[in-house]
C-alpha atoms as a PDB file:
ATOM      1  CA  MET A   1      40.665  58.496  47.014  1.00  0.00           C
ATOM      2  CA  ALA A   2      37.320  59.853  48.128  1.00  0.00           C
ATOM      3  CA  GLU A   3      36.142  59.434  51.726  1.00  0.00           C
ATOM      4  CA  LEU A   4      34.585  56.036  52.108  1.00  0.00           C
ATOM      5  CA  PRO A   5      31.189  55.411  53.647  1.00  0.00           C
ATOM      6  CA  PRO A   6      31.222  53.682  57.042  1.00  0.00           C
ATOM      7  CA  LEU A   7      31.238  49.916  57.108  1.00  0.00           C
ATOM      8  CA  ASN A   8      27.851  49.063  58.385  1.00  0.00           C
ATOM      9  CA  THR A   9      24.702  47.233  57.184  1.00  0.00           C
ATOM     10  CA  ASP A  10      23.322  50.385  55.489  1.00  0.00           C
ATOM     11  CA  THR A  11      26.502  50.431  53.327  1.00  0.00           C
ATOM     12  CA  ILE A  12      26.185  46.716  52.587  1.00  0.00           C
ATOM     13  CA  TRP A  13      22.569  47.282  51.484  1.00  0.00           C
ATOM     14  CA  ALA A  14      23.630  50.246  49.310  1.00  0.00           C
ATOM     15  CA  ILE A  15      26.116  47.878  47.539  1.00  0.00           C
ATOM     16  CA  LEU A  16      23.383  45.272  46.982  1.00  0.00           C
ATOM     17  CA  LYS A  17      20.841  47.869  45.810  1.00  0.00           C
ATOM     18  CA  ASP A  18      23.398  49.424  43.417  1.00  0.00           C
ATOM     19  CA  GLU A  19      23.290  52.722  45.266  1.00  0.00           C
ATOM     20  CA  LEU A  20      27.065  52.920  45.569  1.00  0.00           C
ATOM     21  CA  ASP A  21      29.189  53.163  42.420  1.00  0.00           C
ATOM     22  CA  ASP A  22      31.561  50.317  41.506  1.00  0.00           C
ATOM     23  CA  ALA A  23      34.647  52.464  42.306  1.00  0.00           C
ATOM     24  CA  THR A  24      33.452  52.966  45.912  1.00  0.00           C
ATOM     25  CA  VAL A  25      32.672  49.268  46.287  1.00  0.00           C
ATOM     26  CA  ASN A  26      36.215  48.402  45.110  1.00  0.00           C
ATOM     27  CA  GLN A  27      37.747  51.054  47.398  1.00  0.00           C
ATOM     28  CA  LEU A  28      35.910  49.639  50.398  1.00  0.00           C
ATOM     29  CA  VAL A  29      37.235  46.133  49.727  1.00  0.00           C
ATOM     30  CA  TRP A  30      40.713  47.466  49.065  1.00  0.00           C
ATOM     31  CA  HIS A  31      40.693  49.446  52.300  1.00  0.00           C
ATOM     32  CA  TYR A  32      39.655  46.470  54.421  1.00  0.00           C
ATOM     33  CA  LEU A  33      42.157  44.207  52.683  1.00  0.00           C
ATOM     34  CA  GLY A  34      44.826  46.665  53.736  1.00  0.00           C
ATOM     35  CA  TYR A  35      45.681  48.575  50.545  1.00  0.00           C
ATOM     36  CA  ARG A  36      46.476  52.267  51.050  1.00  0.00           C
ATOM     37  CA  TYR A  37      47.103  54.853  48.347  1.00  0.00           C
ATOM     38  CA  ASN A  38      50.006  57.215  48.988  1.00  0.00           C
ATOM     39  CA  GLU A  39      49.021  60.580  47.488  1.00  0.00           C
ATOM     40  CA  THR A  40      52.630  61.858  47.754  1.00  0.00           C
ATOM     41  CA  SER A  41      54.280  59.020  45.829  1.00  0.00           C
ATOM     42  CA  GLN A  42      51.170  58.313  43.751  1.00  0.00           C
ATOM     43  CA  ASN A  43      51.658  54.597  44.477  1.00  0.00           C
ATOM     44  CA  TRP A  44      49.801  51.870  46.329  1.00  0.00           C
ATOM     45  CA  ASP A  45      51.234  50.765  49.688  1.00  0.00           C
ATOM     46  CA  ASN A  46      50.426  47.067  50.164  1.00  0.00           C
ATOM     47  CA  SER A  47      52.468  46.560  53.324  1.00  0.00           C
ATOM     48  CA  GLY A  48      49.243  46.020  55.291  1.00  0.00           C
ATOM     49  CA  VAL A  49      47.885  43.455  52.897  1.00  0.00           C
ATOM     50  CA  ALA A  50      48.044  39.701  53.683  1.00  0.00           C
ATOM     51  CA  GLU A  51      50.885  38.034  51.853  1.00  0.00           C
ATOM     52  CA  ASP A  52      48.771  35.822  49.665  1.00  0.00           C
ATOM     53  CA  TRP A  53      46.857  38.910  48.417  1.00  0.00           C
ATOM     54  CA  ARG A  54      50.006  40.966  48.060  1.00  0.00           C
ATOM     55  CA  THR A  55      51.769  38.278  46.044  1.00  0.00           C
ATOM     56  CA  ASN A  56      48.879  37.838  43.557  1.00  0.00           C
ATOM     57  CA  TYR A  57      47.776  41.451  43.560  1.00  0.00           C
ATOM     58  CA  PRO A  58      50.598  43.894  44.387  1.00  0.00           C
ATOM     59  CA  GLU A  59      48.121  46.652  43.370  1.00  0.00           C
ATOM     60  CA  PRO A  60      44.417  46.342  44.289  1.00  0.00           C
ATOM     61  CA  PRO A  61      42.366  44.472  41.670  1.00  0.00           C
ATOM     62  CA  ASP A  62      39.092  45.577  40.189  1.00  0.00           C
ATOM     63  CA  PHE A  63      36.689  43.149  41.825  1.00  0.00           C
ATOM     64  CA  ILE A  64      33.669  44.268  39.806  1.00  0.00           C
ATOM     65  CA  GLU A  65      35.302  43.897  36.371  1.00  0.00           C
ATOM     66  CA  ASN A  66      37.439  40.787  36.920  1.00  0.00           C
ATOM     67  CA  ARG A  67      36.342  37.350  37.997  1.00  0.00           C
ATOM     68  CA  PRO A  68      39.659  35.877  39.376  1.00  0.00           C
ATOM     69  CA  PRO A  69      40.084  38.301  42.247  1.00  0.00           C
ATOM     70  CA  THR A  70      36.420  37.913  43.127  1.00  0.00           C
ATOM     71  CA  VAL A  71      36.803  34.137  43.212  1.00  0.00           C
ATOM     72  CA  LYS A  72      39.745  34.661  45.588  1.00  0.00           C
ATOM     73  CA  LEU A  73      37.555  36.999  47.670  1.00  0.00           C
ATOM     74  CA  THR A  74      34.826  34.326  47.881  1.00  0.00           C
ATOM     75  CA  ARG A  75      37.265  31.617  48.852  1.00  0.00           C
ATOM     76  CA  SER A  76      38.655  33.849  51.699  1.00  0.00           C
ATOM     77  CA  ILE A  77      35.275  33.922  53.439  1.00  0.00           C
ATOM     78  CA  PRO A  78      35.011  31.186  56.021  1.00  0.00           C
ATOM     79  CA  LYS A  79      32.499  28.480  55.191  1.00  0.00           C
ATOM     80  CA  GLU A  80      30.282  29.388  58.195  1.00  0.00           C
ATOM     81  CA  ASN A  81      29.998  32.948  56.866  1.00  0.00           C
ATOM     82  CA  LYS A  82      29.236  32.276  53.181  1.00  0.00           C
ATOM     83  CA  GLN A  83      25.494  32.949  53.725  1.00  0.00           C
ATOM     84  CA  LEU A  84      25.769  36.086  55.867  1.00  0.00           C
ATOM     85  CA  LEU A  85      23.830  38.251  53.408  1.00  0.00           C
ATOM     86  CA  LYS A  86      20.868  35.908  53.754  1.00  0.00           C
ATOM     87  CA  GLU A  87      21.259  35.121  57.430  1.00  0.00           C
ATOM     88  CA  LYS A  88      22.011  38.571  58.814  1.00  0.00           C
ATOM     89  CA  LEU A  89      20.372  40.875  56.304  1.00  0.00           C
ATOM     90  CA  GLY A  90      17.588  38.705  54.889  1.00  0.00           C
ATOM     91  CA  PHE A  91      18.922  39.304  51.364  1.00  0.00           C
ATOM     92  CA  LYS A  92      17.002  36.982  49.070  1.00  0.00           C
ATOM     93  CA  GLY A  93      19.307  37.396  46.073  1.00  0.00           C
ATOM     94  CA  TYR A  94      18.634  38.825  42.673  1.00  0.00           C
ATOM     95  CA  LYS A  95      15.809  37.655  40.447  1.00  0.00           C
ATOM     96  CA  ILE A  96      16.619  35.477  37.466  1.00  0.00           C
ATOM     97  CA  GLY A  97      16.984  37.597  34.386  1.00  0.00           C
ATOM     98  CA  GLU A  98      17.566  40.751  36.406  1.00  0.00           C
ATOM     99  CA  PHE A  99      21.158  40.105  37.461  1.00  0.00           C
ATOM    100  CA  THR A 100      24.468  40.132  35.664  1.00  0.00           C
ATOM    101  CA  PRO A 101      28.021  39.013  36.583  1.00  0.00           C
ATOM    102  CA  ARG A 102      28.483  42.570  37.834  1.00  0.00           C
ATOM    103  CA  HIS A 103      25.629  42.100  40.385  1.00  0.00           C
ATOM    104  CA  THR A 104      27.080  38.768  41.448  1.00  0.00           C
ATOM    105  CA  ARG A 105      30.541  40.331  42.020  1.00  0.00           C
ATOM    106  CA  ARG A 106      28.960  43.214  43.938  1.00  0.00           C
ATOM    107  CA  ALA A 107      27.132  40.728  46.163  1.00  0.00           C
ATOM    108  CA  THR A 108      30.412  38.854  46.728  1.00  0.00           C
ATOM    109  CA  ALA A 109      32.062  42.158  47.759  1.00  0.00           C
ATOM    110  CA  ALA A 110      29.110  42.907  50.054  1.00  0.00           C
ATOM    111  CA  ASN A 111      29.286  39.418  51.657  1.00  0.00           C
ATOM    112  CA  TRP A 112      33.042  39.748  52.126  1.00  0.00           C
ATOM    113  CA  LEU A 113      32.646  43.147  53.760  1.00  0.00           C
ATOM    114  CA  LEU A 114      29.828  41.831  55.965  1.00  0.00           C
ATOM    115  CA  ASN A 115      32.092  38.897  56.972  1.00  0.00           C
ATOM    116  CA  TYR A 116      34.818  41.418  57.790  1.00  0.00           C
ATOM    117  CA  LEU A 117      32.324  43.527  59.847  1.00  0.00           C
ATOM    118  CA  GLU A 118      31.090  40.429  61.760  1.00  0.00           C
ATOM    119  CA  SER A 119      34.612  39.148  62.360  1.00  0.00           C
ATOM    120  CA  SER A 120      35.869  42.467  63.673  1.00  0.00           C
ATOM    121  CA  ASN A 121      33.055  42.782  66.239  1.00  0.00           C
END
């Protein structure tokens, strides 16, 4: 896996503005969920992943392409942090007609990462 950008508001904005590719967005979420890729064995180590994620997703899911893991990601954000993109970054959302399910899933990943960032400070 390539070196990941730092988890900060610049990175969150890069996700929202589509400046980071989908693979990097997925890798960021995987990393902070606890998934680690073992180059030697060529396998995913999920020993650091919460049990409910590890049970449903023994290998990291593609959050951008698949709705079910993104729904689980959304549900894992505490209610009080569901609007962090708006409250902390002033993100107004995407304009109608200019966004796709892919944009929505990227915004979910960005919000989850921002929640992680806020919770770890």
